[in-house]
């Protein structure tokens, strides 16, 4: 070799001065030749690796010297020796710290356990938050993908579903997006997969052809959808997920071109999605969204989701502004249905995560508070421990150790404790994450990264970072206090029983005050969530959930494309279910309470002209069978329920809920009036008014709704609307027996129909509040940890004070002080500390709990009763922690104390 490789020369050129490159290159070449000498061909890789290693070491040394000393020289031998000496010193301090911990196993066990809890909880929460909020989405250039929605402020919706006609107008006229696609989950969320093998319900999604282009995904096998396949009649093609392809078809490489049956329709398989494909609904099959001409023209019905990829050179704000202009034009062109509506966009991750982001950040803040309390606790222990090491530290200072050297030694010992605590915290984190995965509500299944939540490299690095920061936080105060000559003297006096240790007491009091203040913030948060949850579960449901069992059902359009067939199926099904033992009522609905779903349509009231510029009247359309209200126990306010006579051949009727009457007929009686829902002339007479039920959750007010009899044809939300239903039965049987009854009846009516999940109504209600319950459980658990740590900290401090003041207390008692006076003195000292901690904590809680306002329901973040209650509770915990050492102080023998 006569010269270095060009890449190596460029590396050296970055840091080595020009005048030194040639001699250094010569030395490296000579060293390389020595490595090759006599080694033959086999020595070449090793010699080449050695050449690179030596060059990189030199380049790094020059870079470090330039950065640290601003000189273009390699490190001088003496400096290298000093650096080596520094490492030796750190290793010596670490070994000494380990020996000290072995001498004090009780202190080591308590400190490590406290830190393990704090670091473990923080690592677990970091692992969860990192997976959901910070890990990159599995799409190329995901920062250019946005979610589109329609904002309707008068309905309190900012990213609601989109009307089909609006979407197609946006897609046609916008220039800021390189691709735009709509999607829709089938009403039941699944298709019935039939044909070879057992019938199976598979999760599905319908998309317009550019969907995969927006996401930057290419099928692993086959092809993507073609533009013409969003046309009604040409959409019988499908892409299978990797999981379905392997599970159902044995990873058949010849799957492309074969046919499958979804809902009794034949689809040609055109491809298989890559294994890394992910979407919140976790679809097993992706099929084209082919709307009929009627549905494509709908502007009053909103049921599409949309995503788009922002074009190169276009900013998000520019894209948003273009959508605003397009929306304004549509509002002018279609004022009757688009007035007050506008397009909106947000980053794709925000759409996936939604309100969960704030809840996760609040929980992350809560575990950080627990770690700070743990640090304060260990710092208090360290201070007490330092008082016992006064002789050792004094000798070190006497023989010449500087204060910095003493601080360095103590900080190294703290780092050893923190690293051991961090290692134990990893075990705590692993257990906590396993527990969290087991209790996550179903609503969290669609969060990005949720399946990968665990202890990955980032989480382990975070645990190491938490350990290092923790060592700094809990170690710095004891280290500075112990290395201070004046304070060391006071600590020394303390060990002799003196009371003149004001500075040391102030340090300890400050740490306990910090613990109390942090605990009160957590306690306030937990109390607010607890009261909020209590008020949420006490919200009137509007129906009787006991003894109700539900089952989702989807009738395939291939065999139930006529309304009469659907009606006949429901009649035949209920004829079998109602005769089963224990069954009292059976009914069907297209929208079960608390399950959500937006089926709002424009509401037209006969002989009432809309006011110019007024917000369009809208109501949710719900198809129900005749016995629906009796089955659910929804009360009749006025008029009548549906009867067997409300059929296709009779006059069309509707029943309104109380919310619709309050909003659109204030002070009037709607009975006898005629309405049209989703059309201009589909008139139906209002025959009844029923009580409200909550559609989107207990924390969302009931919105106007119109119930329509299932026996009367209604196609304004598409012909498939009536074929997706939930069966509800009220019976005295348990859920397993009801499931058997439903499956038996379905099998006898249509053996090819698989049954969806069968659940008790209480489970449906529980699922609707599961995220709030999870927040409450986590915060309460963290608060319990904080209270235990704070109580233990207060107990430890007071026990230490009693031990150190034994002589003083003995003197007082010898001079006539009664047990009550001693007790008052101890409690008075503790109460002053508690009052300061609670006062600071209340101020902090008032400031910080405002950030969790969106997580509350029915309670104000500044509710004074909450703060009074938690202050009393924290004071009670503190007094309980103080009671034992204070009682011990009253039992001190004056003579024994004076002798000692």
Foldseek 3Di string as FASTA:
>chain_A
DPFDPPVLLVLQVVFADPVCSVVVRVVLVVQLVVQVPPPPPVSNVVSVVVSSVVSVVQRVQRVVCCVPVVDRDGDDPVVVVVVVVVVVLLVVLLVVLVVVCVVVVVLLVVLLQLLLVLLLLLLLLCLQCCLFPPDDFPFPPLQQKKWKAKDQVVQPRHRHFAQLQLQVLCQVPDDQFPDKKKKFQPLLQWWFWDDPDATDTFGEMAMQQCVCVQRRFAFPFFGTDDNCCLAPPNWQAKEFEPVCCCPVVVVPNPQQQDWIATLNDIHGYGGYTDNSDDFLSRGRMYTHNHDYPLRSPFRFWGGIIMMTGGDPPHDPVNSQVSQQVSLVVVCVVCVQRSQSMGMDIDRPSCVQCPPVSLLSVVLSVLSVLSLLLSLLLSLLVLLLVLLVCLVVLVVCVVVPDALVNQLSSQLSSLLSSLVSSLVSSLVSSQVVNVVCLVQPFPSCSSRRSNVVRHCDPVSSVVSNVSSNVSSCRNRNVSSNQSSDPVLSVLSPVLVVLDPPNVVSVVSLLVSLLSLLLSLLLLLLLLLQLVVQVVVLVPQDQLFDQPQKKKWWFFNRCVVPVDLVVLVVLVVLLCVQLCVDPFWDDKKKKLADAQPADDQKFFKDWPPDDDDVSDHTDIAHEMEMAQCVCVFGVWAWPDFDGHDPPQAQPDAWAKEKEPQSCCVPVNVHDQAQTWMDTLDDPPIHGYGTYTYFGHRNGSQDDGHIHIYGYSRHDDASVHSSSSRIMMMMIRGPDDQVVSVVSSLVSCCVSPVSIDMGDMDRVVVSNCSSCSVSVVSSVSSVVSSVSSLVSSLVSLLVVLLSVLVSNLQVLLVVVVVPDALVNLLCVSVVVLVVSLVSSLVSSLVVSLVPQVSCQVSGGPDDSNPVVSSVVSSVVSVVSSCVSSVVSSNVSSPRNSVVSNVD
